[in-house]
């Protein structure tokens, strides 16, 4: 699912991917935070 976030932004930064994987592994609520964080960045 994190790939969809990155694809939507047209990005393929490895650090961003790693950040998303780590956050999604923590808890479902983290997914929403990742989306907001990525869009803000």
PDB file of N, CA and C in Angstrom:
ATOM      1  N   UNK A   1       0.834  -1.200   0.000  1.00  0.00           N
ATOM      2  CA  UNK A   1       0.000   0.000   0.000  1.00  0.00           C
ATOM      3  C   UNK A   1       0.873   1.257   0.000  1.00  0.00           C
ATOM      4  N   UNK A   2       2.018   1.197   0.645  1.00  0.00           N
ATOM      5  CA  UNK A   2       2.911   2.356   0.668  1.00  0.00           C
ATOM      6  C   UNK A   2       3.381   2.719  -0.743  1.00  0.00           C
ATOM      7  N   UNK A   3       3.443   1.722  -1.626  1.00  0.00           N
ATOM      8  CA  UNK A   3       3.828   1.991  -3.009  1.00  0.00           C
ATOM      9  C   UNK A   3       2.842   2.923  -3.687  1.00  0.00           C
ATOM     10  N   UNK A   4       1.567   2.780  -3.369  1.00  0.00           N
ATOM     11  CA  UNK A   4       0.533   3.629  -3.958  1.00  0.00           C
ATOM     12  C   UNK A   4       0.758   5.085  -3.576  1.00  0.00           C
ATOM     13  N   UNK A   5       1.147   5.311  -2.331  1.00  0.00           N
ATOM     14  CA  UNK A   5       1.406   6.678  -1.862  1.00  0.00           C
ATOM     15  C   UNK A   5       2.549   7.289  -2.663  1.00  0.00           C
ATOM     16  N   UNK A   6       3.615   6.534  -2.835  1.00  0.00           N
ATOM     17  CA  UNK A   6       4.794   7.020  -3.545  1.00  0.00           C
ATOM     18  C   UNK A   6       4.487   7.208  -5.032  1.00  0.00           C
ATOM     19  N   UNK A   7       3.791   6.245  -5.630  1.00  0.00           N
ATOM     20  CA  UNK A   7       3.431   6.341  -7.039  1.00  0.00           C
ATOM     21  C   UNK A   7       2.569   7.563  -7.303  1.00  0.00           C
ATOM     22  N   UNK A   8       1.665   7.847  -6.389  1.00  0.00           N
ATOM     23  CA  UNK A   8       0.765   8.988  -6.544  1.00  0.00           C
ATOM     24  C   UNK A   8       1.554  10.293  -6.565  1.00  0.00           C
ATOM     25  N   UNK A   9       2.635  10.332  -5.840  1.00  0.00           N
ATOM     26  CA  UNK A   9       3.464  11.537  -5.783  1.00  0.00           C
ATOM     27  C   UNK A   9       4.528  11.542  -6.881  1.00  0.00           C
ATOM     28  N   UNK A  10       4.621  10.427  -7.602  1.00  0.00           N
ATOM     29  CA  UNK A  10       5.627  10.327  -8.650  1.00  0.00           C
ATOM     30  C   UNK A  10       7.030  10.282  -8.071  1.00  0.00           C
ATOM     31  N   UNK A  11       7.155   9.710  -6.884  1.00  0.00           N
ATOM     32  CA  UNK A  11       8.450   9.654  -6.216  1.00  0.00           C
ATOM     33  C   UNK A  11       8.914   8.212  -6.061  1.00  0.00           C
ATOM     34  N   UNK A  12      10.219   8.039  -5.913  1.00  0.00           N
ATOM     35  CA  UNK A  12      10.752   6.696  -5.696  1.00  0.00           C
ATOM     36  C   UNK A  12      11.965   6.767  -4.772  1.00  0.00           C
ATOM     37  N   UNK A  13      11.922   7.724  -3.845  1.00  0.00           N
ATOM     38  CA  UNK A  13      13.022   7.907  -2.904  1.00  0.00           C
ATOM     39  C   UNK A  13      13.068   6.739  -1.923  1.00  0.00           C
ATOM     40  N   UNK A  14      14.215   6.085  -1.829  1.00  0.00           N
ATOM     41  CA  UNK A  14      14.342   4.915  -0.962  1.00  0.00           C
ATOM     42  C   UNK A  14      14.087   5.244   0.500  1.00  0.00           C
ATOM     43  N   UNK A  15      14.513   6.415   0.943  1.00  0.00           N
ATOM     44  CA  UNK A  15      14.278   6.810   2.334  1.00  0.00           C
ATOM     45  C   UNK A  15      12.787   6.956   2.601  1.00  0.00           C
ATOM     46  N   UNK A  16      12.070   7.495   1.623  1.00  0.00           N
ATOM     47  CA  UNK A  16      10.630   7.671   1.777  1.00  0.00           C
ATOM     48  C   UNK A  16       9.948   6.308   1.852  1.00  0.00           C
ATOM     49  N   UNK A  17      10.390   5.379   1.000  1.00  0.00           N
ATOM     50  CA  UNK A  17       9.824   4.029   1.007  1.00  0.00           C
ATOM     51  C   UNK A  17      10.085   3.361   2.360  1.00  0.00           C
ATOM     52  N   UNK A  18      11.309   3.482   2.844  1.00  0.00           N
ATOM     53  CA  UNK A  18      11.675   2.874   4.123  1.00  0.00           C
ATOM     54  C   UNK A  18      10.849   3.465   5.260  1.00  0.00           C
ATOM     55  N   UNK A  19      10.626   4.763   5.201  1.00  0.00           N
ATOM     56  CA  UNK A  19       9.822   5.441   6.221  1.00  0.00           C
ATOM     57  C   UNK A  19       8.401   4.901   6.218  1.00  0.00           C
ATOM     58  N   UNK A  20       7.841   4.732   5.026  1.00  0.00           N
ATOM     59  CA  UNK A  20       6.481   4.216   4.913  1.00  0.00           C
ATOM     60  C   UNK A  20       6.386   2.786   5.430  1.00  0.00           C
ATOM     61  N   UNK A  21       7.347   1.947   5.086  1.00  0.00           N
ATOM     62  CA  UNK A  21       7.345   0.558   5.545  1.00  0.00           C
ATOM     63  C   UNK A  21       7.391   0.513   7.079  1.00  0.00           C
ATOM     64  N   UNK A  22       8.259   1.314   7.667  1.00  0.00           N
ATOM     65  CA  UNK A  22       8.401   1.330   9.121  1.00  0.00           C
ATOM     66  C   UNK A  22       7.113   1.781   9.790  1.00  0.00           C
ATOM     67  N   UNK A  23       6.501   2.813   9.254  1.00  0.00           N
ATOM     68  CA  UNK A  23       5.278   3.349   9.841  1.00  0.00           C
ATOM     69  C   UNK A  23       4.113   2.373   9.687  1.00  0.00           C
ATOM     70  N   UNK A  24       3.995   1.766   8.506  1.00  0.00           N
ATOM     71  CA  UNK A  24       2.898   0.832   8.268  1.00  0.00           C
ATOM     72  C   UNK A  24       3.051  -0.421   9.128  1.00  0.00           C
ATOM     73  N   UNK A  25       4.282  -0.761   9.465  1.00  0.00           N
ATOM     74  CA  UNK A  25       4.529  -1.936  10.292  1.00  0.00           C
ATOM     75  C   UNK A  25       4.133  -1.688  11.745  1.00  0.00           C
ATOM     76  N   UNK A  26       4.092  -0.420  12.132  1.00  0.00           N
ATOM     77  CA  UNK A  26       3.782  -0.070  13.516  1.00  0.00           C
ATOM     78  C   UNK A  26       2.311  -0.284  13.831  1.00  0.00           C
ATOM     79  N   UNK A  27       1.431   0.396  13.097  1.00  0.00           N
ATOM     80  CA  UNK A  27       0.001   0.287  13.356  1.00  0.00           C
ATOM     81  C   UNK A  27      -0.787   0.915  12.214  1.00  0.00           C
ATOM     82  N   UNK A  28      -2.043   0.486  12.025  1.00  0.00           N
ATOM     83  CA  UNK A  28      -2.891   1.041  10.966  1.00  0.00           C
ATOM     84  C   UNK A  28      -3.018   2.562  11.052  1.00  0.00           C
ATOM     85  N   UNK A  29      -3.048   3.088  12.254  1.00  0.00           N
ATOM     86  CA  UNK A  29      -3.200   4.535  12.431  1.00  0.00           C
ATOM     87  C   UNK A  29      -1.992   5.286  11.880  1.00  0.00           C
ATOM     88  N   UNK A  30      -0.848   4.630  11.861  1.00  0.00           N
ATOM     89  CA  UNK A  30       0.362   5.262  11.353  1.00  0.00           C
ATOM     90  C   UNK A  30       0.246   5.531   9.854  1.00  0.00           C
ATOM     91  N   UNK A  31      -0.536   4.721   9.176  1.00  0.00           N
ATOM     92  CA  UNK A  31      -0.697   4.877   7.732  1.00  0.00           C
ATOM     93  C   UNK A  31      -1.234   6.261   7.385  1.00  0.00           C
ATOM     94  N   UNK A  32      -2.218   6.708   8.151  1.00  0.00           N
ATOM     95  CA  UNK A  32      -2.806   8.028   7.915  1.00  0.00           C
ATOM     96  C   UNK A  32      -1.765   9.112   8.163  1.00  0.00           C
ATOM     97  N   UNK A  33      -0.973   8.927   9.201  1.00  0.00           N
ATOM     98  CA  UNK A  33       0.069   9.899   9.524  1.00  0.00           C
ATOM     99  C   UNK A  33       1.103   9.959   8.406  1.00  0.00           C
ATOM    100  N   UNK A  34       1.417   8.816   7.825  1.00  0.00           N
ATOM    101  CA  UNK A  34       2.383   8.761   6.732  1.00  0.00           C
ATOM    102  C   UNK A  34       1.866   9.565   5.547  1.00  0.00           C
ATOM    103  N   UNK A  35       0.620   9.373   5.193  1.00  0.00           N
ATOM    104  CA  UNK A  35       0.032  10.079   4.063  1.00  0.00           C
ATOM    105  C   UNK A  35       0.098  11.587   4.263  1.00  0.00           C
ATOM    106  N   UNK A  36      -0.261  12.029   5.451  1.00  0.00           N
ATOM    107  CA  UNK A  36      -0.242  13.462   5.764  1.00  0.00           C
ATOM    108  C   UNK A  36       1.192  13.987   5.750  1.00  0.00           C
ATOM    109  N   UNK A  37       2.079  13.242   6.346  1.00  0.00           N
ATOM    110  CA  UNK A  37       3.485  13.646   6.431  1.00  0.00           C
ATOM    111  C   UNK A  37       4.080  13.774   5.027  1.00  0.00           C
ATOM    112  N   UNK A  38       3.820  12.788   4.182  1.00  0.00           N
ATOM    113  CA  UNK A  38       4.356  12.780   2.825  1.00  0.00           C
ATOM    114  C   UNK A  38       3.809  13.945   2.013  1.00  0.00           C
ATOM    115  N   UNK A  39       2.508  14.189   2.109  1.00  0.00           N
ATOM    116  CA  UNK A  39       1.894  15.272   1.355  1.00  0.00           C
ATOM    117  C   UNK A  39       2.420  16.627   1.820  1.00  0.00           C
ATOM    118  N   UNK A  40       2.617  16.760   3.118  1.00  0.00           N
ATOM    119  CA  UNK A  40       3.124  18.018   3.661  1.00  0.00           C
ATOM    120  C   UNK A  40       4.549  18.277   3.189  1.00  0.00           C
ATOM    121  N   UNK A  41       5.321  17.211   3.104  1.00  0.00           N
ATOM    122  CA  UNK A  41       6.704  17.322   2.672  1.00  0.00           C
ATOM    123  C   UNK A  41       6.752  17.682   1.199  1.00  0.00           C
TER     124      UNK A  41
END
